[in-house]
Amino acid sequence: MWILNLPDLPRVEGRSNIVALWVRAMSEYAWVIMTSKPGEIRVSGDRATGRFYTAEVTRLKSGEEQRSGRYEDEYVRRNGRWLIGSRTYTMLHLQSLGKSSGMGSWKGSGG
């Protein structure tokens, strides 16, 4: 079970519902930079839990935003493979950065 908790939106459950929301939401972004850092992973036999923190900077049509969030995962091991049993995302921080900080055409350093 995947659960998405975002401010100003109803709770979204289930992979297909989250993917549909993601596809609609991504059409509003010019770009997204996201990093993820593990906070804690605990293993007990064939079950485990994990906590990961994210940081994002995004450009929407309405301007740029900075946000952070947390994934709370439950894992199960089946036939020697670790699978996500459930994942819950909660947004922890959202801040508007205004219209533009000058990265509109940034493409990275590809040489």
Foldseek 3Di string as FASTA:
>chain_A
DEWEDDPPDPIFDDDVRVVVVVVVVCVFFLDKDKDKDWDDWQDDPFKIKTKMKMWMWTQGQFAIKIWMKMKIFIWGADPNDIDTPYIYIDTDDMDGPGHDPPCNPPDDDPD
